[in-house]
Amino acid sequence: MEENLTMKSLSMDYLNLLINGQAFSDVTFSVEGRLVHAHRCILAARSLFFRKFFCGGGGAGEPPLLDQGLSPGRSSAVITVSSVGYEVFLLLLQFLYSGQVAVAPQKGEPRPNCADRGCWHTHCSAAVDLALDTLAAARSFGVEQLAHLTQKQLETMVEKASIEDVMKVLMASRKQEMHQLWSTCSHLVAKSGLPADILAKHLPLDLVSKLEDLRLLKSSSSPDDCGDGGGAGGMNKILRMRRALDSSDVELVRLMVMSEGLNLDDSLALHYAVERCSREVVKALLELGAADVNLPAGPSGRTPLHVAAELVNPDMVAVLLDHHADPNARTVHGVTPLDILRSLTSDFLFKGISSPAAPSHTHSFSSSSSSFEPNKLRLCLELVQSAVMVASRVDDYSTARSSVGSNVFLASISPSLYSTHHHLRDDQFL
């Protein structure tokens, strides 16, 4: 007991150094225009990141969390913190100084993302957002104890949080590779009863697929849930469809559409096929005439052509364009398939990356395709650029001619647009 009191007293003494501001301070940070005074010896002792920074090593190859244009060795230098907000940075320092922190807004404090003025901020959006920001900062600055503490707090928060906030935590736990938090959130979302098409508006498709598998597993393990309920039945239907696509059995999918009322758009069948199946399967699926080739899906509203562009798959790009995929389709962030390909090309040419990942402004539908062949990237770029040019000519022509003349023009150029790319074989890309 006496030892605990001694440690608590020591913790408070260090924290008072931080609270008293400039007392014995030898380093100053600027965060969102506000100055924070601290002590190099404490930060260096408690954080490997700060130890390297103050020694002038920085984090080579890592994103700049602090403005390293200033000399870290000069005590008079003001170091700009650009990666985290003022509140989160103070929480980080509070933990480094005292080993304790309360990652939650003050009770009853007005917050822009919490409309309830009397809220205690235990599990509202404001509390969840602050915890997520603190978690990201702790991982960035290498303070794993704080990251672990915040993860435990989030596991408690999500039990009572809204489903929207649970999905935010689910995405963050996946990115940060926090498996226990991921497991807690995935079970909560799977239990929520939200259909797959709603989940797809907030989560990447591969994540939705995992949640559906989890739901099916839970329903099959409970005899009471194996009836003809719409939710479980709908998920079972989607899983059957995906298994059929995986085995190239498009005829079974056609029968499901005709006899069971399967909606290919609601089940995101085309996106799934583009990501995981062959060109022949995608072509046969499109020829059923029951799938929208320009359907936006996922939180960023990406079409199948966006997916094919990210995968750098010229076969998929060609077959989608053949079936009137819009090369100018934009995500909610304004990104076109051509933007994705140009970004990949820029990475390849100017950054010396032979296997660039998906552009940072989008969520990836697939984590399995992390490399490509440069020749395939060139072919994809040529296909989409050609389609954009044709679409532009059609638009220009339609403004100068009648609708009938425009249709004649479109019919005259469409059959031959992608003829040179239809029968590309894999050996042509090597």
Protein backbone atom coordinates (compact mmCIF):
# COMPACT_ATOMS: atom_id res chain seq x y z
CA MET A 1 0.00 0.00 0.00
CA GLU A 2 2.81 2.38 0.95
CA GLU A 3 4.64 1.50 -2.28
CA ASN A 4 1.53 2.37 -4.32
CA LEU A 5 1.27 5.75 -2.58
CA THR A 6 4.94 6.42 -3.30
CA MET A 7 4.51 5.59 -7.00
CA LYS A 8 1.37 7.73 -7.19
CA SER A 9 3.21 10.64 -5.59
CA LEU A 10 6.09 10.24 -8.05
CA SER A 11 3.62 10.15 -10.94
CA MET A 12 1.94 13.36 -9.75
CA ASP A 13 5.30 15.10 -9.30
CA TYR A 14 6.24 14.40 -12.92
CA LEU A 15 2.79 15.43 -14.12
CA ASN A 16 3.12 18.74 -12.26
CA LEU A 17 6.24 19.45 -14.30
CA LEU A 18 4.09 19.23 -17.43
CA ILE A 19 1.22 21.22 -15.93
CA ASN A 20 3.48 24.04 -14.73
CA GLY A 21 4.47 24.73 -18.31
CA GLN A 22 7.80 26.49 -18.68
CA ALA A 23 9.23 25.41 -15.31
CA PHE A 24 12.59 23.79 -16.17
CA SER A 25 11.35 23.20 -19.73
CA ASP A 26 13.97 22.69 -22.42
CA VAL A 27 11.80 21.90 -25.44
CA THR A 28 8.70 23.57 -26.89
CA PHE A 29 6.17 22.08 -29.29
CA SER A 30 3.68 23.99 -31.42
CA VAL A 31 0.41 22.10 -31.86
CA GLU A 32 -2.46 23.71 -33.77
CA GLY A 33 -0.90 27.11 -33.06
CA ARG A 34 -0.60 26.52 -29.29
CA LEU A 35 2.68 26.08 -27.42
CA VAL A 36 3.35 23.06 -25.23
CA HIS A 37 6.45 23.10 -22.99
CA ALA A 38 8.10 19.81 -22.06
CA HIS A 39 11.34 18.18 -20.93
CA ARG A 40 13.64 16.25 -23.23
CA CYS A 41 15.01 13.86 -20.61
CA ILE A 42 11.53 12.62 -19.64
CA LEU A 43 10.33 12.25 -23.23
CA ALA A 44 13.55 10.50 -24.29
CA ALA A 45 13.40 8.13 -21.33
CA ARG A 46 9.78 7.19 -21.98
CA SER A 47 9.67 7.09 -25.79
CA LEU A 48 12.07 5.58 -28.31
CA PHE A 49 10.61 7.90 -30.95
CA PHE A 50 11.52 11.05 -28.99
CA ARG A 51 14.92 9.59 -28.06
CA LYS A 52 15.76 9.16 -31.76
CA PHE A 53 14.32 12.54 -32.64
CA PHE A 54 16.30 14.46 -30.03
CA CYS A 55 19.46 12.62 -31.09
CA GLY A 56 18.87 13.86 -34.63
CA GLY A 57 18.04 10.41 -36.04
CA GLY A 58 14.38 11.10 -36.75
CA GLY A 59 12.47 8.16 -38.13
CA ALA A 60 14.11 7.50 -41.45
CA GLY A 61 11.59 6.20 -43.93
CA GLU A 62 8.70 7.00 -41.59
CA PRO A 63 6.05 9.71 -42.09
CA PRO A 64 7.14 13.03 -40.52
CA LEU A 65 5.25 13.31 -37.22
CA LEU A 66 7.27 16.35 -36.15
CA ASP A 67 8.81 19.17 -38.18
CA GLN A 68 12.37 17.95 -38.53
CA GLY A 69 13.40 20.97 -40.59
CA LEU A 70 14.27 22.54 -37.23
CA SER A 71 17.32 21.43 -35.33
CA PRO A 72 16.22 19.01 -32.58
CA GLY A 73 19.43 19.70 -30.68
CA ARG A 74 18.66 23.39 -30.11
CA SER A 75 16.76 23.96 -26.88
CA SER A 76 15.31 27.22 -28.20
CA ALA A 77 13.74 25.65 -31.28
CA VAL A 78 9.96 25.35 -31.44
CA ILE A 79 9.08 21.95 -32.89
CA THR A 80 5.90 21.85 -34.94
CA VAL A 81 3.64 18.84 -34.43
CA SER A 82 1.57 18.32 -37.56
CA SER A 83 0.32 14.76 -37.19
CA VAL A 84 -2.00 15.01 -34.16
CA GLY A 85 -4.30 17.54 -32.55
CA TYR A 86 -3.62 19.58 -29.43
CA GLU A 87 -5.90 17.55 -27.15
CA VAL A 88 -4.47 14.20 -28.26
CA PHE A 89 -0.88 15.44 -27.96
CA LEU A 90 -1.53 16.55 -24.38
CA LEU A 91 -3.00 13.13 -23.56
CA LEU A 92 0.10 11.50 -25.05
CA LEU A 93 2.43 13.68 -22.96
CA GLN A 94 0.30 13.17 -19.86
CA PHE A 95 0.78 9.42 -20.19
CA LEU A 96 4.52 9.75 -20.84
CA TYR A 97 4.95 11.88 -17.73
CA SER A 98 2.67 10.05 -15.30
CA GLY A 99 1.95 6.60 -16.72
CA GLN A 100 -1.75 7.37 -16.33
CA VAL A 101 -4.36 9.00 -18.54
CA ALA A 102 -8.12 9.27 -18.91
CA VAL A 103 -8.83 8.99 -22.64
CA ALA A 104 -12.24 10.66 -22.56
CA PRO A 105 -13.64 14.19 -22.94
CA GLN A 106 -14.61 16.05 -19.78
CA LYS A 107 -18.11 15.14 -18.57
CA GLY A 108 -20.68 17.59 -19.89
CA GLU A 109 -18.12 19.36 -22.09
CA PRO A 110 -19.66 20.59 -25.39
CA ARG A 111 -18.23 18.65 -28.33
CA PRO A 112 -18.86 19.27 -32.05
CA ASN A 113 -19.64 15.59 -32.67
CA CYS A 114 -21.95 15.13 -29.67
CA ALA A 115 -25.23 17.05 -29.66
CA ASP A 116 -26.18 16.07 -26.09
CA ARG A 117 -24.95 18.92 -23.88
CA GLY A 118 -25.37 16.84 -20.73
CA CYS A 119 -23.52 13.82 -22.13
CA TRP A 120 -20.95 12.15 -19.91
CA HIS A 121 -19.00 11.11 -23.02
CA THR A 122 -18.53 7.49 -21.98
CA HIS A 123 -19.46 5.87 -25.30
CA CYS A 124 -20.74 8.66 -27.59
CA SER A 125 -19.17 9.58 -30.94
CA ALA A 126 -17.00 12.24 -29.27
CA ALA A 127 -15.54 9.68 -26.86
CA VAL A 128 -14.99 7.10 -29.60
CA ASP A 129 -13.32 9.62 -31.93
CA LEU A 130 -10.99 10.86 -29.20
CA ALA A 131 -10.02 7.29 -28.29
CA LEU A 132 -9.37 6.42 -31.95
CA ASP A 133 -7.21 9.53 -32.42
CA THR A 134 -5.29 8.70 -29.25
CA LEU A 135 -4.80 5.10 -30.39
CA ALA A 136 -3.42 6.25 -33.75
CA ALA A 137 -1.09 8.75 -32.04
CA ALA A 138 0.15 6.16 -29.55
CA ARG A 139 0.98 3.73 -32.35
CA SER A 140 2.63 6.47 -34.44
CA PHE A 141 4.84 7.65 -31.56
CA GLY A 142 5.58 4.09 -30.46
CA VAL A 143 3.92 4.35 -27.03
CA GLU A 144 2.59 0.79 -26.94
CA GLN A 145 1.44 0.93 -23.31
CA LEU A 146 -0.89 3.80 -24.15
CA ALA A 147 -2.07 1.99 -27.28
CA HIS A 148 -2.89 -1.10 -25.20
CA LEU A 149 -4.73 0.97 -22.57
CA THR A 150 -6.75 2.79 -25.25
CA GLN A 151 -7.59 -0.49 -26.98
CA LYS A 152 -9.00 -1.87 -23.73
CA GLN A 153 -11.05 1.29 -23.27
CA LEU A 154 -12.43 1.01 -26.81
CA GLU A 155 -13.43 -2.60 -26.19
CA THR A 156 -15.60 -1.33 -23.33
CA MET A 157 -16.94 1.65 -25.31
CA VAL A 158 -18.15 -0.32 -28.33
CA GLU A 159 -20.46 -2.47 -26.20
CA LYS A 160 -22.74 0.57 -25.81
CA ALA A 161 -21.72 2.69 -28.81
CA SER A 162 -23.83 3.23 -31.93
CA ILE A 163 -23.37 0.78 -34.80
CA GLU A 164 -21.84 3.59 -36.90
CA ASP A 165 -19.16 4.14 -34.26
CA VAL A 166 -18.60 0.39 -33.92
CA MET A 167 -17.90 0.23 -37.67
CA LYS A 168 -15.40 3.09 -37.33
CA VAL A 169 -13.59 1.19 -34.58
CA LEU A 170 -13.76 -1.99 -36.67
CA MET A 171 -11.95 -0.26 -39.54
CA ALA A 172 -9.35 1.25 -37.21
CA SER A 173 -8.68 -2.07 -35.45
CA ARG A 174 -8.15 -3.71 -38.82
CA LYS A 175 -5.70 -1.01 -39.92
CA GLN A 176 -3.84 -1.12 -36.59
CA GLU A 177 -3.91 -4.96 -36.56
CA MET A 178 -5.50 -5.12 -33.11
CA HIS A 179 -7.03 -8.56 -33.24
CA GLN A 180 -8.93 -8.58 -29.95
CA LEU A 181 -10.62 -5.26 -30.72
CA TRP A 182 -11.32 -6.46 -34.27
CA SER A 183 -12.96 -9.61 -32.93
CA THR A 184 -15.16 -7.67 -30.50
CA CYS A 185 -16.32 -5.18 -33.15
CA SER A 186 -16.86 -7.75 -35.90
CA HIS A 187 -19.15 -9.81 -33.66
CA LEU A 188 -21.12 -6.68 -32.72
CA VAL A 189 -21.57 -5.64 -36.37
CA ALA A 190 -22.47 -9.19 -37.41
CA LYS A 191 -25.05 -9.27 -34.61
CA SER A 192 -26.52 -5.89 -35.63
CA GLY A 193 -28.74 -7.37 -38.37
CA LEU A 194 -27.77 -4.72 -40.94
CA PRO A 195 -28.04 -6.21 -44.47
CA ALA A 196 -24.98 -6.58 -46.68
CA ASP A 197 -25.92 -3.72 -49.01
CA ILE A 198 -26.07 -1.29 -46.07
CA LEU A 199 -22.79 -2.53 -44.64
CA ALA A 200 -21.17 -2.10 -48.06
CA LYS A 201 -21.90 1.63 -47.91
CA HIS A 202 -19.64 1.93 -44.86
CA LEU A 203 -17.14 -0.92 -45.14
CA PRO A 204 -14.86 -2.42 -47.84
CA LEU A 205 -16.31 -5.41 -49.67
CA ASP A 206 -13.85 -7.96 -48.33
CA LEU A 207 -14.77 -6.88 -44.81
CA VAL A 208 -18.48 -7.24 -45.56
CA SER A 209 -17.79 -10.74 -46.88
CA LYS A 210 -16.03 -11.73 -43.65
CA LEU A 211 -18.91 -10.39 -41.57
CA GLU A 212 -21.42 -12.35 -43.66
CA ASP A 213 -19.37 -15.52 -43.15
CA LEU A 214 -19.37 -14.83 -39.43
CA ARG A 215 -23.15 -14.34 -39.43
CA LEU A 216 -23.71 -17.58 -41.31
CA LEU A 217 -21.44 -19.42 -38.90
CA LYS A 218 -23.34 -18.05 -35.91
CA SER A 219 -26.76 -18.83 -37.44
CA SER A 220 -25.75 -22.36 -38.40
CA SER A 221 -24.55 -23.04 -34.86
CA SER A 222 -27.95 -22.12 -33.41
CA PRO A 223 -30.95 -24.35 -34.33
CA ASP A 224 -33.36 -21.51 -33.60
CA ASP A 225 -31.75 -19.33 -36.27
CA CYS A 226 -31.83 -21.84 -39.12
CA GLY A 227 -35.38 -21.19 -40.25
CA ASP A 228 -36.55 -19.20 -43.21
CA GLY A 229 -35.73 -15.83 -41.67
CA GLY A 230 -35.08 -13.16 -44.26
CA GLY A 231 -31.71 -12.04 -42.83
CA ALA A 232 -30.06 -15.46 -42.55
CA GLY A 233 -31.70 -16.64 -45.77
CA GLY A 234 -30.43 -13.60 -47.65
CA MET A 235 -26.89 -14.08 -46.40
CA ASN A 236 -27.02 -17.77 -47.23
CA LYS A 237 -28.15 -16.89 -50.74
CA ILE A 238 -25.25 -14.46 -51.20
CA LEU A 239 -22.74 -17.03 -49.98
CA ARG A 240 -24.18 -19.64 -52.35
CA MET A 241 -23.89 -17.15 -55.19
CA ARG A 242 -20.25 -16.45 -54.34
CA ARG A 243 -19.42 -20.13 -54.16
CA ALA A 244 -21.04 -20.55 -57.58
CA LEU A 245 -18.94 -17.69 -59.00
CA ASP A 246 -15.80 -19.14 -57.43
CA SER A 247 -16.46 -22.40 -59.29
CA SER A 248 -17.37 -20.54 -62.54
CA ASP A 249 -20.97 -21.81 -62.32
CA VAL A 250 -22.73 -18.76 -63.77
CA GLU A 251 -25.66 -20.95 -64.81
CA LEU A 252 -26.45 -21.56 -61.14
CA VAL A 253 -26.33 -17.81 -60.53
CA ARG A 254 -28.76 -17.31 -63.43
CA LEU A 255 -31.16 -19.85 -61.89
CA MET A 256 -30.90 -18.09 -58.53
CA VAL A 257 -31.77 -14.78 -60.19
CA MET A 258 -34.75 -16.25 -62.03
CA SER A 259 -36.19 -18.63 -59.44
CA GLU A 260 -35.03 -17.28 -56.08
CA GLY A 261 -35.14 -13.55 -56.76
CA LEU A 262 -31.43 -13.01 -56.18
CA ASN A 263 -30.55 -9.34 -56.75
CA LEU A 264 -27.06 -9.17 -58.25
CA ASP A 265 -26.67 -5.48 -57.40
CA ASP A 266 -27.70 -5.81 -53.75
CA SER A 267 -25.31 -8.76 -53.37
CA LEU A 268 -22.51 -6.85 -55.17
CA ALA A 269 -22.01 -9.82 -57.46
CA LEU A 270 -20.15 -7.96 -60.20
CA HIS A 271 -17.69 -6.32 -57.81
CA TYR A 272 -16.99 -9.71 -56.25
CA ALA A 273 -16.49 -11.40 -59.63
CA VAL A 274 -14.14 -8.68 -60.91
CA GLU A 275 -12.04 -8.98 -57.79
CA ARG A 276 -11.91 -12.77 -57.48
CA CYS A 277 -13.02 -14.52 -60.68
CA SER A 278 -11.88 -14.92 -64.28
CA ARG A 279 -12.67 -12.74 -67.29
CA GLU A 280 -15.00 -15.43 -68.65
CA VAL A 281 -17.05 -15.46 -65.44
CA VAL A 282 -17.37 -11.66 -65.44
CA LYS A 283 -18.35 -11.68 -69.13
CA ALA A 284 -21.02 -14.36 -68.55
CA LEU A 285 -22.33 -12.49 -65.51
CA LEU A 286 -22.65 -9.27 -67.51
CA GLU A 287 -24.44 -11.10 -70.32
CA LEU A 288 -27.18 -12.13 -67.88
CA GLY A 289 -28.27 -8.49 -68.09
CA ALA A 290 -29.16 -8.40 -64.38
CA ALA A 291 -26.17 -6.48 -63.02
CA ASP A 292 -25.44 -2.75 -63.24
CA VAL A 293 -21.95 -2.39 -64.69
CA ASN A 294 -21.65 1.12 -63.21
CA LEU A 295 -22.98 0.33 -59.73
CA PRO A 296 -21.13 2.34 -57.04
CA ALA A 297 -20.38 0.33 -53.92
CA GLY A 298 -18.49 0.53 -50.68
CA PRO A 299 -17.90 3.62 -48.55
CA SER A 300 -16.19 5.46 -51.42
CA GLY A 301 -18.72 4.52 -54.12
CA ARG A 302 -16.40 2.64 -56.46
CA THR A 303 -17.62 0.90 -59.60
CA PRO A 304 -16.37 -2.47 -60.92
CA LEU A 305 -14.11 -0.55 -63.31
CA HIS A 306 -12.43 1.15 -60.34
CA VAL A 307 -11.77 -2.30 -58.87
CA ALA A 308 -10.35 -3.62 -62.15
CA ALA A 309 -8.11 -0.56 -62.46
CA GLU A 310 -6.76 -1.02 -58.97
CA LEU A 311 -6.07 -4.70 -59.66
CA VAL A 312 -4.28 -3.67 -62.89
CA ASN A 313 -6.16 -6.36 -64.81
CA PRO A 314 -6.45 -5.47 -68.53
CA ASP A 315 -8.73 -8.45 -69.21
CA MET A 316 -11.25 -7.16 -66.66
CA VAL A 317 -10.91 -3.57 -67.84
CA ALA A 318 -11.56 -4.62 -71.44
CA VAL A 319 -14.61 -6.77 -70.72
CA LEU A 320 -16.17 -4.08 -68.51
CA LEU A 321 -15.61 -1.38 -71.12
CA ASP A 322 -17.04 -3.77 -73.71
CA HIS A 323 -20.26 -3.81 -71.69
CA HIS A 324 -20.48 -0.01 -71.44
CA ALA A 325 -18.70 0.63 -68.16
CA ASP A 326 -18.32 4.39 -67.69
CA PRO A 327 -14.61 5.34 -67.80
CA ASN A 328 -15.48 8.73 -66.30
CA ALA A 329 -17.32 7.34 -63.25
CA ARG A 330 -16.20 9.06 -60.06
CA THR A 331 -16.08 7.91 -56.47
CA VAL A 332 -17.41 10.11 -53.68
CA HIS A 333 -13.87 11.56 -53.55
CA GLY A 334 -13.98 12.41 -57.27
CA VAL A 335 -11.54 9.65 -58.30
CA THR A 336 -11.91 8.05 -61.75
CA PRO A 337 -10.43 4.72 -62.93
CA LEU A 338 -7.95 6.75 -64.97
CA ASP A 339 -6.86 8.60 -61.82
CA ILE A 340 -6.09 5.27 -60.14
CA LEU A 341 -3.99 4.06 -63.08
CA ARG A 342 -2.14 7.37 -63.37
CA SER A 343 -1.36 7.28 -59.66
CA LEU A 344 0.06 3.77 -59.99
CA THR A 345 2.06 4.84 -63.04
CA SER A 346 3.46 7.84 -61.19
CA ASP A 347 4.52 5.63 -58.28
CA PHE A 348 6.17 3.21 -60.68
CA LEU A 349 8.02 5.83 -62.74
CA PHE A 350 9.05 8.40 -60.17
CA LYS A 351 9.29 6.53 -56.87
CA GLY A 352 10.99 3.42 -58.16
CA ILE A 353 8.26 1.17 -56.80
CA SER A 354 7.78 -2.03 -58.75
CA SER A 355 4.78 -3.17 -56.76
CA PRO A 356 2.90 -0.06 -55.64
CA ALA A 357 -0.11 -0.41 -53.42
CA ALA A 358 -3.51 1.08 -54.10
CA PRO A 359 -3.73 4.89 -54.10
CA SER A 360 -4.10 6.38 -50.65
CA HIS A 361 -7.27 8.28 -51.48
CA THR A 362 -9.30 5.09 -51.79
CA HIS A 363 -10.18 2.06 -49.72
CA SER A 364 -8.88 -1.12 -51.25
CA PHE A 365 -11.38 -3.83 -52.13
CA SER A 366 -8.60 -6.39 -52.14
CA SER A 367 -5.61 -6.87 -49.93
CA SER A 368 -4.30 -9.81 -51.94
CA SER A 369 -3.27 -7.99 -55.11
CA SER A 370 -0.23 -5.97 -54.09
CA SER A 371 1.88 -6.31 -57.25
CA PHE A 372 1.52 -6.13 -61.00
CA GLU A 373 3.47 -6.32 -64.22
CA PRO A 374 4.35 -2.96 -65.81
CA ASN A 375 3.12 -4.13 -69.22
CA LYS A 376 -0.32 -4.84 -67.78
CA LEU A 377 -0.41 -1.36 -66.27
CA ARG A 378 0.40 0.12 -69.68
CA LEU A 379 -2.39 -1.89 -71.34
CA CYS A 380 -4.93 -0.85 -68.69
CA LEU A 381 -3.92 2.77 -69.12
CA GLU A 382 -4.30 2.57 -72.92
CA LEU A 383 -7.73 0.93 -72.64
CA VAL A 384 -9.15 3.46 -70.20
CA GLN A 385 -7.60 6.44 -71.99
CA SER A 386 -9.11 5.24 -75.28
CA ALA A 387 -12.51 4.85 -73.64
CA VAL A 388 -12.31 8.35 -72.15
CA MET A 389 -11.42 9.81 -75.55
CA VAL A 390 -14.31 8.00 -77.24
CA ALA A 391 -16.74 9.15 -74.54
CA SER A 392 -15.51 12.70 -75.00
CA ARG A 393 -15.98 12.52 -78.79
CA VAL A 394 -19.49 11.14 -78.34
CA ASP A 395 -20.35 14.00 -75.97
CA ASP A 396 -18.95 16.58 -78.39
CA TYR A 397 -20.76 15.03 -81.33
CA SER A 398 -24.08 14.84 -79.51
CA THR A 399 -24.03 18.57 -78.84
CA ALA A 400 -23.70 19.30 -82.56
CA ARG A 401 -26.01 16.66 -84.01
CA SER A 402 -29.51 15.43 -83.38
CA SER A 403 -30.07 12.48 -81.05
CA VAL A 404 -30.64 10.20 -84.04
CA GLY A 405 -27.37 11.18 -85.67
CA SER A 406 -25.57 10.72 -82.38
CA ASN A 407 -26.91 7.19 -82.02
CA VAL A 408 -25.74 6.34 -85.54
CA PHE A 409 -22.31 7.70 -84.71
CA LEU A 410 -22.13 5.73 -81.46
CA ALA A 411 -23.20 2.53 -83.20
CA SER A 412 -20.55 3.03 -85.85
CA ILE A 413 -17.65 3.33 -83.42
CA SER A 414 -18.66 1.03 -80.54
CA PRO A 415 -18.08 -2.40 -82.16
CA SER A 416 -14.45 -1.75 -82.98
CA LEU A 417 -13.41 0.22 -79.91
CA TYR A 418 -11.82 -2.58 -77.92
CA SER A 419 -11.47 -5.25 -80.60
CA THR A 420 -7.70 -5.28 -80.34
CA HIS A 421 -7.88 -6.04 -76.62
CA HIS A 422 -10.59 -8.68 -76.42
CA HIS A 423 -8.42 -11.74 -76.84
CA LEU A 424 -5.34 -10.75 -74.90
CA ARG A 425 -3.64 -13.82 -73.46
CA ASP A 426 -1.53 -13.93 -70.33
CA ASP A 427 1.64 -14.63 -72.35
CA GLN A 428 1.21 -11.27 -74.11
CA PHE A 429 1.68 -9.49 -70.80
CA LEU A 430 4.93 -11.15 -69.88
